[in-house]
Amino acid sequence: MHAQSPPLARKRSRKSFWLKQLHTWHWMSSAISLIGLLLFAITGFTLNHAADIEAAPSTAERAVQLPAALARSVRPDDQPDAKKPLPAPIAAWIARELHLPATGTAEWSADEIYLAQPRPGGDAWVAIARDSGRVTSEVTTRGWIAYLNDLHKGRNAGTAWKWFIDVFAAACLVFTLTGLVLLWMHSKHRRSTWPLVAAGLAIPALIALFLIH
C-alpha cells in the first residue's frame, strides 16, 4: 500500500479541518437558535391563522388616590402641554400600588397626565387627574397566543428582547450558511441536493411573483 503524497495529504488534512469546523459551528448555532426557531415556527403558523384563532381579551380596571403630598406636585399649572416622565416619587408609588411600571414618557395636558404602557399580548395605561389626584388604570390581556405572536413581531417587547432577536438572527445566519457549505461539500454524493435547494428558492419566488396581488 503506497503512502499518500505530501500535497494530497495536506489537502485532505485541510478538508478534514474545515469540515470539523463547519460541523462545530453548525451544531453550536443550531443549539443556540433551536428554541427560537421552534417559537418562530409555531407563531408563524398562529399569525398566519390569526383570524381563525379566537382570543378572549380580559380587562382589569383600578382607581386609587394619590397621597396629598404627591397630588400637590401634579396640580394644574400654566405650563403648555408636554411630554415628559412622571416624577420619580409618583412613578414609584404607582408601581407599588398598582403593580404597573410607570416608566417612559407621559402626556401632560392641563387636566390629565396619561401614561401608555403597551406590552406583548395586551395593553395598559395610567391616567392621573391633575385637579383631584385620582389615578385610574386599565390593563388588557389577550392571552398566551397573542403574547407569543407579539414576541414574534417584537411588538412592545423592550430592549432585552430586541437584543435577543439580533443574537438569534446572527445564530440563524451562521446555521444556514454553514449548512449551505456542508451541502456543497457533500453534494457530490447526494445528487438531489441542488434540485432541492433550487426548489426551496423557486417555490416561494413563484408564489410571490404570480399568486400574491
C-alpha atoms as a PDB file:
ATOM      1  CA  MET A   1       0.000   0.000   0.000  1.00  0.00           C
ATOM      2  CA  HIS A   2       1.508   3.297  -1.125  1.00  0.00           C
ATOM      3  CA  ALA A   3       1.720   6.253   1.233  1.00  0.00           C
ATOM      4  CA  GLN A   4      -0.124   9.400   0.175  1.00  0.00           C
ATOM      5  CA  SER A   5       1.925  12.159  -1.420  1.00  0.00           C
ATOM      6  CA  PRO A   6       2.563  15.177   0.860  1.00  0.00           C
ATOM      7  CA  PRO A   7       0.400  17.624  -1.200  1.00  0.00           C
ATOM      8  CA  LEU A   8      -2.549  15.183  -1.234  1.00  0.00           C
ATOM      9  CA  ALA A   9      -2.163  14.504   2.483  1.00  0.00           C
ATOM     10  CA  ARG A  10      -2.108  18.239   3.248  1.00  0.00           C
ATOM     11  CA  LYS A  11      -5.201  18.786   1.075  1.00  0.00           C
ATOM     12  CA  ARG A  12      -7.121  16.057   2.875  1.00  0.00           C
ATOM     13  CA  SER A  13      -5.926  17.369   6.228  1.00  0.00           C
ATOM     14  CA  ARG A  14      -7.194  20.878   5.390  1.00  0.00           C
ATOM     15  CA  LYS A  15     -10.512  19.492   4.197  1.00  0.00           C
ATOM     16  CA  SER A  16     -10.874  17.460   7.386  1.00  0.00           C
ATOM     17  CA  PHE A  17     -10.056  20.523   9.498  1.00  0.00           C
ATOM     18  CA  TRP A  18     -12.644  22.759   7.777  1.00  0.00           C
ATOM     19  CA  LEU A  19     -15.229  20.009   7.823  1.00  0.00           C
ATOM     20  CA  LYS A  20     -14.819  19.673  11.594  1.00  0.00           C
ATOM     21  CA  GLN A  21     -15.014  23.467  11.972  1.00  0.00           C
ATOM     22  CA  LEU A  22     -18.178  23.645   9.902  1.00  0.00           C
ATOM     23  CA  HIS A  23     -19.819  20.840  11.861  1.00  0.00           C
ATOM     24  CA  THR A  24     -18.864  22.526  15.142  1.00  0.00           C
ATOM     25  CA  TRP A  25     -20.266  25.931  14.131  1.00  0.00           C
ATOM     26  CA  HIS A  26     -23.323  24.280  12.599  1.00  0.00           C
ATOM     27  CA  TRP A  27     -24.326  22.350  15.720  1.00  0.00           C
ATOM     28  CA  MET A  28     -23.467  25.234  18.063  1.00  0.00           C
ATOM     29  CA  SER A  29     -25.587  27.714  16.087  1.00  0.00           C
ATOM     30  CA  SER A  30     -28.399  25.171  15.800  1.00  0.00           C
ATOM     31  CA  ALA A  31     -28.335  24.631  19.575  1.00  0.00           C
ATOM     32  CA  ILE A  32     -28.486  28.387  20.230  1.00  0.00           C
ATOM     33  CA  SER A  33     -31.285  29.008  17.733  1.00  0.00           C
ATOM     34  CA  LEU A  34     -33.283  25.783  18.297  1.00  0.00           C
ATOM     35  CA  ILE A  35     -35.854  27.106  20.788  1.00  0.00           C
ATOM     36  CA  GLY A  36     -36.128  30.411  18.942  1.00  0.00           C
ATOM     37  CA  LEU A  37     -36.746  28.624  15.647  1.00  0.00           C
ATOM     38  CA  LEU A  38     -39.388  26.458  17.299  1.00  0.00           C
ATOM     39  CA  LEU A  39     -41.081  29.555  18.753  1.00  0.00           C
ATOM     40  CA  PHE A  40     -40.975  31.439  15.467  1.00  0.00           C
ATOM     41  CA  ALA A  41     -42.269  28.427  13.519  1.00  0.00           C
ATOM     42  CA  ILE A  42     -45.241  27.993  15.871  1.00  0.00           C
ATOM     43  CA  THR A  43     -46.071  31.702  15.961  1.00  0.00           C
ATOM     44  CA  GLY A  44     -45.627  31.916  12.192  1.00  0.00           C
ATOM     45  CA  PHE A  45     -48.499  29.436  11.962  1.00  0.00           C
ATOM     46  CA  THR A  46     -50.633  31.219  14.581  1.00  0.00           C
ATOM     47  CA  LEU A  47     -50.059  34.594  12.905  1.00  0.00           C
ATOM     48  CA  ASN A  48     -50.952  33.125   9.524  1.00  0.00           C
ATOM     49  CA  HIS A  49     -54.243  31.877  11.017  1.00  0.00           C
ATOM     50  CA  ALA A  50     -54.872  34.768  13.385  1.00  0.00           C
ATOM     51  CA  ALA A  51     -58.407  35.288  12.036  1.00  0.00           C
ATOM     52  CA  ASP A  52     -59.294  31.663  12.824  1.00  0.00           C
ATOM     53  CA  ILE A  53     -57.925  31.672  16.379  1.00  0.00           C
ATOM     54  CA  GLU A  54     -60.329  33.361  18.737  1.00  0.00           C
ATOM     55  CA  ALA A  55     -58.952  35.464  21.554  1.00  0.00           C
ATOM     56  CA  ALA A  56     -60.841  36.368  24.710  1.00  0.00           C
ATOM     57  CA  PRO A  57     -59.401  39.652  25.998  1.00  0.00           C
ATOM     58  CA  SER A  58     -59.740  40.374  29.699  1.00  0.00           C
ATOM     59  CA  THR A  59     -59.625  43.875  31.148  1.00  0.00           C
ATOM     60  CA  ALA A  60     -58.909  44.900  34.726  1.00  0.00           C
ATOM     61  CA  GLU A  61     -59.605  48.437  35.907  1.00  0.00           C
ATOM     62  CA  ARG A  62     -58.476  50.081  39.128  1.00  0.00           C
ATOM     63  CA  ALA A  63     -58.808  53.507  40.759  1.00  0.00           C
ATOM     64  CA  VAL A  64     -56.724  54.837  43.641  1.00  0.00           C
ATOM     65  CA  GLN A  65     -55.999  58.209  45.199  1.00  0.00           C
ATOM     66  CA  LEU A  66     -52.606  59.876  45.253  1.00  0.00           C
ATOM     67  CA  PRO A  67     -51.449  60.913  48.721  1.00  0.00           C
ATOM     68  CA  ALA A  68     -51.880  64.636  49.274  1.00  0.00           C
ATOM     69  CA  ALA A  69     -48.155  65.361  49.160  1.00  0.00           C
ATOM     70  CA  LEU A  70     -47.793  63.669  45.776  1.00  0.00           C
ATOM     71  CA  ALA A  71     -51.027  65.139  44.422  1.00  0.00           C
ATOM     72  CA  ARG A  72     -49.713  68.662  45.042  1.00  0.00           C
ATOM     73  CA  SER A  73     -46.807  68.012  42.671  1.00  0.00           C
ATOM     74  CA  VAL A  74     -49.160  67.436  39.722  1.00  0.00           C
ATOM     75  CA  ARG A  75     -51.659  70.250  40.333  1.00  0.00           C
ATOM     76  CA  PRO A  76     -52.738  72.106  37.168  1.00  0.00           C
ATOM     77  CA  ASP A  77     -50.429  74.950  36.151  1.00  0.00           C
ATOM     78  CA  ASP A  78     -49.959  77.386  33.305  1.00  0.00           C
ATOM     79  CA  GLN A  79     -47.399  75.239  31.521  1.00  0.00           C
ATOM     80  CA  PRO A  80     -48.263  74.191  27.954  1.00  0.00           C
ATOM     81  CA  ASP A  81     -48.960  70.565  27.103  1.00  0.00           C
ATOM     82  CA  ALA A  82     -45.782  68.500  27.272  1.00  0.00           C
ATOM     83  CA  LYS A  83     -44.377  65.002  27.078  1.00  0.00           C
ATOM     84  CA  LYS A  84     -42.124  64.033  29.965  1.00  0.00           C
ATOM     85  CA  PRO A  85     -41.707  61.224  32.547  1.00  0.00           C
ATOM     86  CA  LEU A  86     -43.664  61.118  35.765  1.00  0.00           C
ATOM     87  CA  PRO A  87     -41.866  62.457  38.850  1.00  0.00           C
ATOM     88  CA  ALA A  88     -39.874  59.647  40.428  1.00  0.00           C
ATOM     89  CA  PRO A  89     -41.875  59.537  43.717  1.00  0.00           C
ATOM     90  CA  ILE A  90     -45.165  59.253  41.793  1.00  0.00           C
ATOM     91  CA  ALA A  91     -43.756  56.588  39.476  1.00  0.00           C
ATOM     92  CA  ALA A  92     -42.563  54.572  42.481  1.00  0.00           C
ATOM     93  CA  TRP A  93     -45.938  54.946  44.222  1.00  0.00           C
ATOM     94  CA  ILE A  94     -47.846  53.785  41.132  1.00  0.00           C
ATOM     95  CA  ALA A  95     -45.529  50.787  40.700  1.00  0.00           C
ATOM     96  CA  ARG A  96     -46.117  49.848  44.343  1.00  0.00           C
ATOM     97  CA  GLU A  97     -49.876  50.454  44.490  1.00  0.00           C
ATOM     98  CA  LEU A  98     -50.970  49.349  41.010  1.00  0.00           C
ATOM     99  CA  HIS A  99     -48.174  46.872  40.236  1.00  0.00           C
ATOM    100  CA  LEU A 100     -47.578  48.609  36.937  1.00  0.00           C
ATOM    101  CA  PRO A 101     -44.308  50.021  35.603  1.00  0.00           C
ATOM    102  CA  ALA A 102     -44.626  53.784  35.473  1.00  0.00           C
ATOM    103  CA  THR A 103     -41.573  54.484  33.344  1.00  0.00           C
ATOM    104  CA  GLY A 104     -41.475  56.110  29.954  1.00  0.00           C
ATOM    105  CA  THR A 105     -42.832  59.369  28.604  1.00  0.00           C
ATOM    106  CA  ALA A 106     -46.235  60.562  29.782  1.00  0.00           C
ATOM    107  CA  GLU A 107     -48.506  63.062  28.070  1.00  0.00           C
ATOM    108  CA  TRP A 108     -49.154  66.100  30.299  1.00  0.00           C
ATOM    109  CA  SER A 109     -52.198  68.225  29.496  1.00  0.00           C
ATOM    110  CA  ALA A 110     -53.971  70.846  31.560  1.00  0.00           C
ATOM    111  CA  ASP A 111     -56.392  68.350  33.094  1.00  0.00           C
ATOM    112  CA  GLU A 112     -54.705  64.970  32.952  1.00  0.00           C
ATOM    113  CA  ILE A 113     -51.465  63.056  32.832  1.00  0.00           C
ATOM    114  CA  TYR A 114     -51.690  59.990  30.602  1.00  0.00           C
ATOM    115  CA  LEU A 115     -49.074  57.242  30.541  1.00  0.00           C
ATOM    116  CA  ALA A 116     -49.417  54.449  27.978  1.00  0.00           C
ATOM    117  CA  GLN A 117     -47.823  51.106  28.852  1.00  0.00           C
ATOM    118  CA  PRO A 118     -48.172  48.798  25.827  1.00  0.00           C
ATOM    119  CA  ARG A 119     -46.861  45.276  26.271  1.00  0.00           C
ATOM    120  CA  PRO A 120     -46.762  41.970  24.342  1.00  0.00           C
ATOM    121  CA  GLY A 121     -50.158  40.297  24.330  1.00  0.00           C
ATOM    122  CA  GLY A 122     -52.006  43.234  25.772  1.00  0.00           C
ATOM    123  CA  ASP A 123     -52.076  46.881  26.688  1.00  0.00           C
ATOM    124  CA  ALA A 124     -52.150  49.108  29.754  1.00  0.00           C
ATOM    125  CA  TRP A 125     -52.434  52.749  30.686  1.00  0.00           C
ATOM    126  CA  VAL A 126     -52.455  55.005  33.722  1.00  0.00           C
ATOM    127  CA  ALA A 127     -54.221  58.362  33.940  1.00  0.00           C
ATOM    128  CA  ILE A 128     -53.885  60.951  36.696  1.00  0.00           C
ATOM    129  CA  ALA A 129     -56.500  63.672  37.120  1.00  0.00           C
ATOM    130  CA  ARG A 130     -54.422  66.732  37.959  1.00  0.00           C
ATOM    131  CA  ASP A 131     -57.109  68.572  39.906  1.00  0.00           C
ATOM    132  CA  SER A 132     -58.101  65.720  42.226  1.00  0.00           C
ATOM    133  CA  GLY A 133     -55.077  63.389  42.211  1.00  0.00           C
ATOM    134  CA  ARG A 134     -57.295  60.445  41.291  1.00  0.00           C
ATOM    135  CA  VAL A 135     -55.375  57.703  39.495  1.00  0.00           C
ATOM    136  CA  THR A 136     -57.136  55.263  37.162  1.00  0.00           C
ATOM    137  CA  SER A 137     -55.569  52.361  35.334  1.00  0.00           C
ATOM    138  CA  GLU A 138     -56.592  49.710  32.858  1.00  0.00           C
ATOM    139  CA  VAL A 139     -54.778  46.503  31.931  1.00  0.00           C
ATOM    140  CA  THR A 140     -55.912  44.380  28.986  1.00  0.00           C
ATOM    141  CA  THR A 141     -54.557  40.900  28.233  1.00  0.00           C
ATOM    142  CA  ARG A 142     -55.349  38.888  25.121  1.00  0.00           C
ATOM    143  CA  GLY A 143     -53.920  35.506  26.125  1.00  0.00           C
ATOM    144  CA  TRP A 144     -50.762  33.470  25.574  1.00  0.00           C
ATOM    145  CA  ILE A 145     -51.131  33.147  21.811  1.00  0.00           C
ATOM    146  CA  ALA A 146     -51.336  36.928  21.419  1.00  0.00           C
ATOM    147  CA  TYR A 147     -48.362  37.256  23.769  1.00  0.00           C
ATOM    148  CA  LEU A 148     -46.220  34.883  21.683  1.00  0.00           C
ATOM    149  CA  ASN A 149     -47.402  36.489  18.438  1.00  0.00           C
ATOM    150  CA  ASP A 150     -46.276  39.887  19.684  1.00  0.00           C
ATOM    151  CA  LEU A 151     -42.900  38.435  20.670  1.00  0.00           C
ATOM    152  CA  HIS A 152     -42.599  37.103  17.114  1.00  0.00           C
ATOM    153  CA  LYS A 153     -43.147  40.642  15.805  1.00  0.00           C
ATOM    154  CA  GLY A 154     -41.050  42.280  18.524  1.00  0.00           C
ATOM    155  CA  ARG A 155     -44.047  44.423  19.470  1.00  0.00           C
ATOM    156  CA  ASN A 156     -43.528  46.446  22.638  1.00  0.00           C
ATOM    157  CA  ALA A 157     -41.124  43.804  23.965  1.00  0.00           C
ATOM    158  CA  GLY A 158     -38.356  46.081  25.189  1.00  0.00           C
ATOM    159  CA  THR A 159     -34.618  46.384  24.679  1.00  0.00           C
ATOM    160  CA  ALA A 160     -33.626  42.962  26.054  1.00  0.00           C
ATOM    161  CA  TRP A 161     -35.898  41.168  23.582  1.00  0.00           C
ATOM    162  CA  LYS A 162     -34.558  43.353  20.760  1.00  0.00           C
ATOM    163  CA  TRP A 163     -31.025  42.203  21.603  1.00  0.00           C
ATOM    164  CA  PHE A 164     -32.198  38.594  21.781  1.00  0.00           C
ATOM    165  CA  ILE A 165     -33.671  38.902  18.276  1.00  0.00           C
ATOM    166  CA  ASP A 166     -30.346  40.241  16.975  1.00  0.00           C
ATOM    167  CA  VAL A 167     -28.369  37.384  18.574  1.00  0.00           C
ATOM    168  CA  PHE A 168     -30.946  34.855  17.382  1.00  0.00           C
ATOM    169  CA  ALA A 169     -30.798  36.241  13.821  1.00  0.00           C
ATOM    170  CA  ALA A 170     -26.988  36.000  13.844  1.00  0.00           C
ATOM    171  CA  ALA A 171     -27.164  32.378  15.076  1.00  0.00           C
ATOM    172  CA  CYS A 172     -29.668  31.537  12.330  1.00  0.00           C
ATOM    173  CA  LEU A 173     -27.392  33.150   9.747  1.00  0.00           C
ATOM    174  CA  VAL A 174     -24.430  31.048  10.910  1.00  0.00           C
ATOM    175  CA  PHE A 175     -26.653  27.959  10.954  1.00  0.00           C
ATOM    176  CA  THR A 176     -27.876  28.459   7.390  1.00  0.00           C
ATOM    177  CA  LEU A 177     -24.509  29.470   5.902  1.00  0.00           C
ATOM    178  CA  THR A 178     -22.639  26.556   7.484  1.00  0.00           C
ATOM    179  CA  GLY A 179     -25.459  24.282   6.372  1.00  0.00           C
ATOM    180  CA  LEU A 180     -25.107  25.582   2.822  1.00  0.00           C
ATOM    181  CA  VAL A 181     -21.357  24.921   2.803  1.00  0.00           C
ATOM    182  CA  LEU A 182     -21.913  21.425   4.238  1.00  0.00           C
ATOM    183  CA  LEU A 183     -24.462  20.762   1.493  1.00  0.00           C
ATOM    184  CA  TRP A 184     -21.887  21.841  -1.079  1.00  0.00           C
ATOM    185  CA  MET A 185     -19.182  19.611   0.430  1.00  0.00           C
ATOM    186  CA  HIS A 186     -21.467  16.553   0.411  1.00  0.00           C
ATOM    187  CA  SER A 187     -23.348  17.288  -2.811  1.00  0.00           C
ATOM    188  CA  LYS A 188     -21.114  15.051  -4.937  1.00  0.00           C
ATOM    189  CA  HIS A 189     -22.568  12.037  -3.163  1.00  0.00           C
ATOM    190  CA  ARG A 190     -26.139  13.356  -2.912  1.00  0.00           C
ATOM    191  CA  ARG A 191     -27.453  14.255  -6.341  1.00  0.00           C
ATOM    192  CA  SER A 192     -30.764  15.606  -5.073  1.00  0.00           C
ATOM    193  CA  THR A 193     -29.050  18.348  -3.028  1.00  0.00           C
ATOM    194  CA  TRP A 194     -29.117  21.227  -5.513  1.00  0.00           C
ATOM    195  CA  PRO A 195     -32.532  20.403  -7.032  1.00  0.00           C
ATOM    196  CA  LEU A 196     -33.985  20.553  -3.508  1.00  0.00           C
ATOM    197  CA  VAL A 197     -32.166  23.818  -2.746  1.00  0.00           C
ATOM    198  CA  ALA A 198     -33.409  25.263  -6.042  1.00  0.00           C
ATOM    199  CA  ALA A 199     -36.954  24.172  -5.214  1.00  0.00           C
ATOM    200  CA  GLY A 200     -36.683  25.896  -1.835  1.00  0.00           C
ATOM    201  CA  LEU A 201     -35.885  29.119  -3.690  1.00  0.00           C
ATOM    202  CA  ALA A 202     -38.200  28.704  -6.671  1.00  0.00           C
ATOM    203  CA  ILE A 203     -41.424  27.792  -4.834  1.00  0.00           C
ATOM    204  CA  PRO A 204     -41.692  30.956  -2.664  1.00  0.00           C
ATOM    205  CA  ALA A 205     -40.367  33.111  -5.520  1.00  0.00           C
ATOM    206  CA  LEU A 206     -43.035  31.852  -7.946  1.00  0.00           C
ATOM    207  CA  ILE A 207     -45.793  32.262  -5.353  1.00  0.00           C
ATOM    208  CA  ALA A 208     -44.631  35.824  -4.649  1.00  0.00           C
ATOM    209  CA  LEU A 209     -44.442  36.706  -8.344  1.00  0.00           C
ATOM    210  CA  PHE A 210     -47.655  35.135  -9.632  1.00  0.00           C
ATOM    211  CA  LEU A 211     -50.032  34.412  -6.735  1.00  0.00           C
ATOM    212  CA  ILE A 212     -49.659  37.450  -4.453  1.00  0.00           C
ATOM    213  CA  HIS A 213     -51.605  40.524  -5.549  1.00  0.00           C
END
